């Protein structure tokens, strides 16, 4: 689990909209890819999945006033999710700082 300070306090709803509107384009640009990314939001939890390459929820983001917690639920033995994890952490750091 990675914890990121929520310096510029983002609500779960705000972060969900930022992810939905900006993250897919940014990760595809940085990785020179055309990944499909899906987001689901309930209360303070945002689930992130990459349905074309990995089945199920890959990342779970829990948002509160002080911090954003990111859990990698991907199976690293079958898929190397470290690169996706690094990109998501960088994006979250940028948006919450």
N, C-alpha and C. Protein backbone atom coordinates (compact mmCIF):
# COMPACT_ATOMS: atom_id res chain seq x y z
N UNK A 1 0.85 -1.16 0.00
CA UNK A 1 0.00 0.00 0.00
C UNK A 1 0.90 1.24 0.00
N UNK A 2 0.51 2.22 -0.78
CA UNK A 2 1.21 3.50 -0.87
C UNK A 2 0.30 4.58 -0.30
N UNK A 3 0.87 5.43 0.54
CA UNK A 3 0.11 6.54 1.12
C UNK A 3 0.66 7.84 0.57
N UNK A 4 -0.24 8.68 0.09
CA UNK A 4 0.11 9.97 -0.50
C UNK A 4 -0.60 11.05 0.30
N UNK A 5 0.13 12.09 0.70
CA UNK A 5 -0.48 13.21 1.43
C UNK A 5 -1.45 13.93 0.52
N UNK A 6 -2.63 14.21 1.04
CA UNK A 6 -3.66 14.93 0.30
C UNK A 6 -3.51 16.41 0.62
N UNK A 7 -2.38 17.01 0.14
CA UNK A 7 -2.02 18.39 0.45
C UNK A 7 -3.07 19.37 -0.07
N UNK A 8 -3.40 19.22 -1.32
CA UNK A 8 -4.48 20.02 -1.92
C UNK A 8 -5.72 19.16 -1.76
N UNK A 9 -6.45 19.35 -0.65
CA UNK A 9 -7.51 18.39 -0.30
C UNK A 9 -8.49 18.11 -1.45
N UNK A 10 -8.40 16.90 -1.95
CA UNK A 10 -9.31 16.43 -2.98
C UNK A 10 -10.35 15.54 -2.33
N UNK A 11 -11.59 15.77 -2.66
CA UNK A 11 -12.63 14.86 -2.20
C UNK A 11 -12.61 13.62 -3.10
N UNK A 12 -13.21 12.53 -2.65
CA UNK A 12 -13.28 11.35 -3.52
C UNK A 12 -13.95 11.65 -4.85
N UNK A 13 -14.99 12.49 -4.83
CA UNK A 13 -15.70 12.84 -6.08
C UNK A 13 -14.80 13.63 -7.03
N UNK A 14 -14.04 14.59 -6.47
CA UNK A 14 -13.13 15.38 -7.30
C UNK A 14 -12.05 14.51 -7.91
N UNK A 15 -11.46 13.64 -7.09
CA UNK A 15 -10.41 12.76 -7.61
C UNK A 15 -10.95 11.81 -8.66
N UNK A 16 -12.14 11.29 -8.44
CA UNK A 16 -12.77 10.40 -9.42
C UNK A 16 -12.91 11.10 -10.78
N UNK A 17 -13.37 12.33 -10.76
CA UNK A 17 -13.55 13.07 -12.02
C UNK A 17 -12.21 13.40 -12.67
N UNK A 18 -11.20 13.73 -11.86
CA UNK A 18 -9.87 14.00 -12.41
C UNK A 18 -9.30 12.74 -13.05
N UNK A 19 -9.42 11.62 -12.35
CA UNK A 19 -8.93 10.35 -12.91
C UNK A 19 -9.65 10.02 -14.21
N UNK A 20 -10.96 10.12 -14.17
CA UNK A 20 -11.78 9.77 -15.34
C UNK A 20 -11.48 10.66 -16.55
N UNK A 21 -11.23 11.94 -16.29
CA UNK A 21 -11.01 12.89 -17.39
C UNK A 21 -9.57 12.97 -17.86
N UNK A 22 -8.61 12.72 -16.98
CA UNK A 22 -7.21 12.99 -17.34
C UNK A 22 -6.27 11.79 -17.32
N UNK A 23 -6.50 10.82 -16.43
CA UNK A 23 -5.51 9.76 -16.24
C UNK A 23 -5.32 8.88 -17.47
N UNK A 24 -6.38 8.48 -18.10
CA UNK A 24 -6.26 7.59 -19.26
C UNK A 24 -5.41 8.21 -20.36
N UNK A 25 -5.69 9.48 -20.69
CA UNK A 25 -4.90 10.16 -21.72
C UNK A 25 -3.44 10.29 -21.32
N UNK A 26 -3.21 10.62 -20.04
CA UNK A 26 -1.84 10.80 -19.58
C UNK A 26 -1.04 9.50 -19.61
N UNK A 27 -1.61 8.41 -19.10
CA UNK A 27 -0.86 7.15 -19.09
C UNK A 27 -0.63 6.63 -20.51
N UNK A 28 -1.61 6.79 -21.37
CA UNK A 28 -1.43 6.36 -22.75
C UNK A 28 -0.37 7.18 -23.46
N UNK A 29 -0.31 8.46 -23.17
CA UNK A 29 0.71 9.32 -23.75
C UNK A 29 2.10 8.93 -23.26
N UNK A 30 2.25 8.73 -21.96
CA UNK A 30 3.55 8.40 -21.38
C UNK A 30 4.04 7.02 -21.78
N UNK A 31 3.12 6.08 -21.96
CA UNK A 31 3.51 4.71 -22.30
C UNK A 31 3.40 4.41 -23.79
N UNK A 32 3.00 5.41 -24.58
CA UNK A 32 2.78 5.21 -26.02
C UNK A 32 1.89 3.99 -26.25
N UNK A 33 0.74 4.01 -25.60
CA UNK A 33 -0.18 2.87 -25.67
C UNK A 33 -1.60 3.35 -25.91
N UNK A 34 -2.52 2.43 -25.92
CA UNK A 34 -3.94 2.77 -26.04
C UNK A 34 -4.74 1.90 -25.06
N UNK A 35 -4.34 1.98 -23.79
CA UNK A 35 -5.01 1.20 -22.75
C UNK A 35 -6.42 1.71 -22.50
N UNK A 36 -7.29 0.79 -22.20
CA UNK A 36 -8.63 1.14 -21.75
C UNK A 36 -8.60 1.08 -20.22
N UNK A 37 -9.06 2.17 -19.59
CA UNK A 37 -9.05 2.23 -18.13
C UNK A 37 -10.48 2.49 -17.67
N UNK A 38 -10.92 1.72 -16.67
CA UNK A 38 -12.26 1.90 -16.12
C UNK A 38 -12.15 2.28 -14.65
N UNK A 39 -13.09 3.13 -14.22
CA UNK A 39 -13.10 3.61 -12.84
C UNK A 39 -14.48 3.36 -12.24
N UNK A 40 -14.51 2.99 -10.98
CA UNK A 40 -15.76 2.84 -10.24
C UNK A 40 -15.60 3.58 -8.92
N UNK A 41 -16.63 4.33 -8.54
CA UNK A 41 -16.54 5.15 -7.34
C UNK A 41 -17.73 4.89 -6.44
N UNK A 42 -17.45 4.54 -5.17
CA UNK A 42 -18.48 4.38 -4.15
C UNK A 42 -17.93 4.99 -2.87
N UNK A 43 -18.64 5.98 -2.36
CA UNK A 43 -18.28 6.69 -1.14
C UNK A 43 -16.86 7.23 -1.24
N UNK A 44 -15.89 6.74 -0.46
CA UNK A 44 -14.53 7.26 -0.53
C UNK A 44 -13.56 6.29 -1.20
N UNK A 45 -14.09 5.32 -1.91
CA UNK A 45 -13.27 4.31 -2.59
C UNK A 45 -13.42 4.44 -4.10
N UNK A 46 -12.27 4.42 -4.78
CA UNK A 46 -12.25 4.45 -6.26
C UNK A 46 -11.49 3.20 -6.69
N UNK A 47 -12.11 2.38 -7.52
CA UNK A 47 -11.45 1.20 -8.09
C UNK A 47 -11.03 1.51 -9.51
N UNK A 48 -9.83 1.04 -9.86
CA UNK A 48 -9.27 1.27 -11.19
C UNK A 48 -8.99 -0.08 -11.81
N UNK A 49 -9.45 -0.27 -13.04
CA UNK A 49 -9.20 -1.54 -13.73
C UNK A 49 -8.76 -1.28 -15.17
N UNK A 50 -8.06 -2.26 -15.70
CA UNK A 50 -7.58 -2.24 -17.08
C UNK A 50 -8.13 -3.49 -17.75
N UNK A 51 -9.41 -3.46 -18.16
CA UNK A 51 -10.12 -4.68 -18.58
C UNK A 51 -9.53 -5.40 -19.78
N UNK A 52 -8.80 -4.71 -20.62
CA UNK A 52 -8.24 -5.37 -21.80
C UNK A 52 -7.05 -6.26 -21.48
N UNK A 53 -6.38 -5.99 -20.32
CA UNK A 53 -5.17 -6.75 -20.03
C UNK A 53 -5.22 -7.51 -18.71
N UNK A 54 -5.99 -7.04 -17.74
CA UNK A 54 -6.03 -7.69 -16.43
C UNK A 54 -7.48 -7.79 -15.97
N UNK A 55 -7.88 -8.96 -15.54
CA UNK A 55 -9.25 -9.17 -15.08
C UNK A 55 -9.40 -8.64 -13.65
N UNK A 56 -10.47 -7.94 -13.39
CA UNK A 56 -10.77 -7.46 -12.04
C UNK A 56 -10.17 -6.10 -11.73
N UNK A 57 -10.36 -5.70 -10.49
CA UNK A 57 -9.85 -4.41 -10.02
C UNK A 57 -8.36 -4.52 -9.77
N UNK A 58 -7.59 -3.63 -10.40
CA UNK A 58 -6.14 -3.66 -10.24
C UNK A 58 -5.70 -2.76 -9.09
N UNK A 59 -6.31 -1.57 -8.98
CA UNK A 59 -5.94 -0.64 -7.92
C UNK A 59 -7.19 -0.19 -7.17
N UNK A 60 -7.03 -0.03 -5.86
CA UNK A 60 -8.07 0.53 -5.02
C UNK A 60 -7.49 1.78 -4.39
N UNK A 61 -8.22 2.88 -4.52
CA UNK A 61 -7.81 4.16 -3.96
C UNK A 61 -8.82 4.55 -2.89
N UNK A 62 -8.32 4.82 -1.70
CA UNK A 62 -9.18 5.28 -0.60
C UNK A 62 -8.79 6.72 -0.29
N UNK A 63 -9.77 7.62 -0.35
CA UNK A 63 -9.51 9.04 -0.20
C UNK A 63 -10.11 9.55 1.10
N UNK A 64 -9.29 10.29 1.87
CA UNK A 64 -9.82 11.01 3.02
C UNK A 64 -9.18 12.40 3.04
N UNK A 65 -9.50 13.20 4.04
CA UNK A 65 -9.03 14.59 4.08
C UNK A 65 -7.52 14.72 4.08
N UNK A 66 -6.81 13.81 4.74
CA UNK A 66 -5.37 13.95 4.93
C UNK A 66 -4.50 13.14 3.98
N UNK A 67 -5.05 12.06 3.46
CA UNK A 67 -4.23 11.20 2.62
C UNK A 67 -5.04 10.40 1.61
N UNK A 68 -4.29 9.89 0.66
CA UNK A 68 -4.85 9.02 -0.37
C UNK A 68 -4.08 7.71 -0.27
N UNK A 69 -4.78 6.61 -0.07
CA UNK A 69 -4.15 5.30 0.03
C UNK A 69 -4.37 4.54 -1.26
N UNK A 70 -3.29 4.01 -1.80
CA UNK A 70 -3.35 3.27 -3.06
C UNK A 70 -2.90 1.83 -2.79
N UNK A 71 -3.77 0.87 -3.10
CA UNK A 71 -3.45 -0.55 -2.97
C UNK A 71 -3.38 -1.17 -4.35
N UNK A 72 -2.34 -1.93 -4.59
CA UNK A 72 -2.18 -2.65 -5.85
C UNK A 72 -2.73 -4.05 -5.65
N UNK A 73 -3.84 -4.35 -6.31
CA UNK A 73 -4.49 -5.65 -6.19
C UNK A 73 -4.11 -6.59 -7.33
N UNK A 74 -3.25 -6.12 -8.24
CA UNK A 74 -2.88 -6.91 -9.40
C UNK A 74 -2.00 -8.09 -9.03
N UNK A 75 -2.07 -9.12 -9.80
CA UNK A 75 -1.26 -10.32 -9.61
C UNK A 75 0.07 -10.11 -10.33
N UNK A 76 1.12 -9.75 -9.56
CA UNK A 76 2.41 -9.46 -10.18
C UNK A 76 3.09 -10.70 -10.77
N UNK A 77 2.65 -11.89 -10.39
CA UNK A 77 3.25 -13.08 -10.97
C UNK A 77 2.78 -13.29 -12.41
N UNK A 78 1.55 -12.87 -12.69
CA UNK A 78 1.02 -13.03 -14.05
C UNK A 78 1.21 -11.76 -14.87
N UNK A 79 0.98 -10.60 -14.27
CA UNK A 79 1.12 -9.32 -14.94
C UNK A 79 2.01 -8.42 -14.10
N UNK A 80 2.95 -7.75 -14.72
CA UNK A 80 3.79 -6.81 -14.01
C UNK A 80 3.04 -5.48 -13.93
N UNK A 81 2.43 -5.23 -12.80
CA UNK A 81 1.65 -4.01 -12.64
C UNK A 81 2.48 -2.86 -12.07
N UNK A 82 3.77 -3.09 -11.87
CA UNK A 82 4.62 -2.04 -11.29
C UNK A 82 4.66 -0.77 -12.12
N UNK A 83 4.73 -0.90 -13.42
CA UNK A 83 4.76 0.28 -14.29
C UNK A 83 3.46 1.07 -14.19
N UNK A 84 2.34 0.38 -14.18
CA UNK A 84 1.05 1.05 -14.02
C UNK A 84 0.96 1.71 -12.65
N UNK A 85 1.47 1.02 -11.64
CA UNK A 85 1.49 1.53 -10.27
C UNK A 85 2.32 2.82 -10.20
N UNK A 86 3.49 2.81 -10.79
CA UNK A 86 4.35 4.00 -10.79
C UNK A 86 3.67 5.18 -11.47
N UNK A 87 3.01 4.94 -12.58
CA UNK A 87 2.34 6.01 -13.31
C UNK A 87 1.18 6.57 -12.50
N UNK A 88 0.42 5.70 -11.84
CA UNK A 88 -0.71 6.15 -11.04
C UNK A 88 -0.23 6.93 -9.82
N UNK A 89 0.82 6.47 -9.16
CA UNK A 89 1.37 7.19 -8.01
C UNK A 89 1.85 8.58 -8.43
N UNK A 90 2.56 8.67 -9.53
CA UNK A 90 3.04 9.97 -10.01
C UNK A 90 1.86 10.90 -10.31
N UNK A 91 0.83 10.37 -10.93
CA UNK A 91 -0.36 11.16 -11.26
C UNK A 91 -1.04 11.65 -10.00
N UNK A 92 -1.21 10.78 -9.02
CA UNK A 92 -1.87 11.15 -7.77
C UNK A 92 -1.05 12.19 -7.00
N UNK A 93 0.27 12.02 -6.98
CA UNK A 93 1.14 13.01 -6.33
C UNK A 93 1.00 14.37 -6.97
N UNK A 94 0.97 14.39 -8.28
CA UNK A 94 0.85 15.66 -9.02
C UNK A 94 -0.47 16.35 -8.72
N UNK A 95 -1.56 15.59 -8.71
CA UNK A 95 -2.88 16.18 -8.55
C UNK A 95 -3.21 16.55 -7.10
N UNK A 96 -2.58 15.87 -6.14
CA UNK A 96 -2.91 16.14 -4.73
C UNK A 96 -1.94 17.12 -4.07
N UNK A 97 -0.90 17.50 -4.79
CA UNK A 97 0.09 18.43 -4.20
C UNK A 97 -0.23 19.87 -4.48
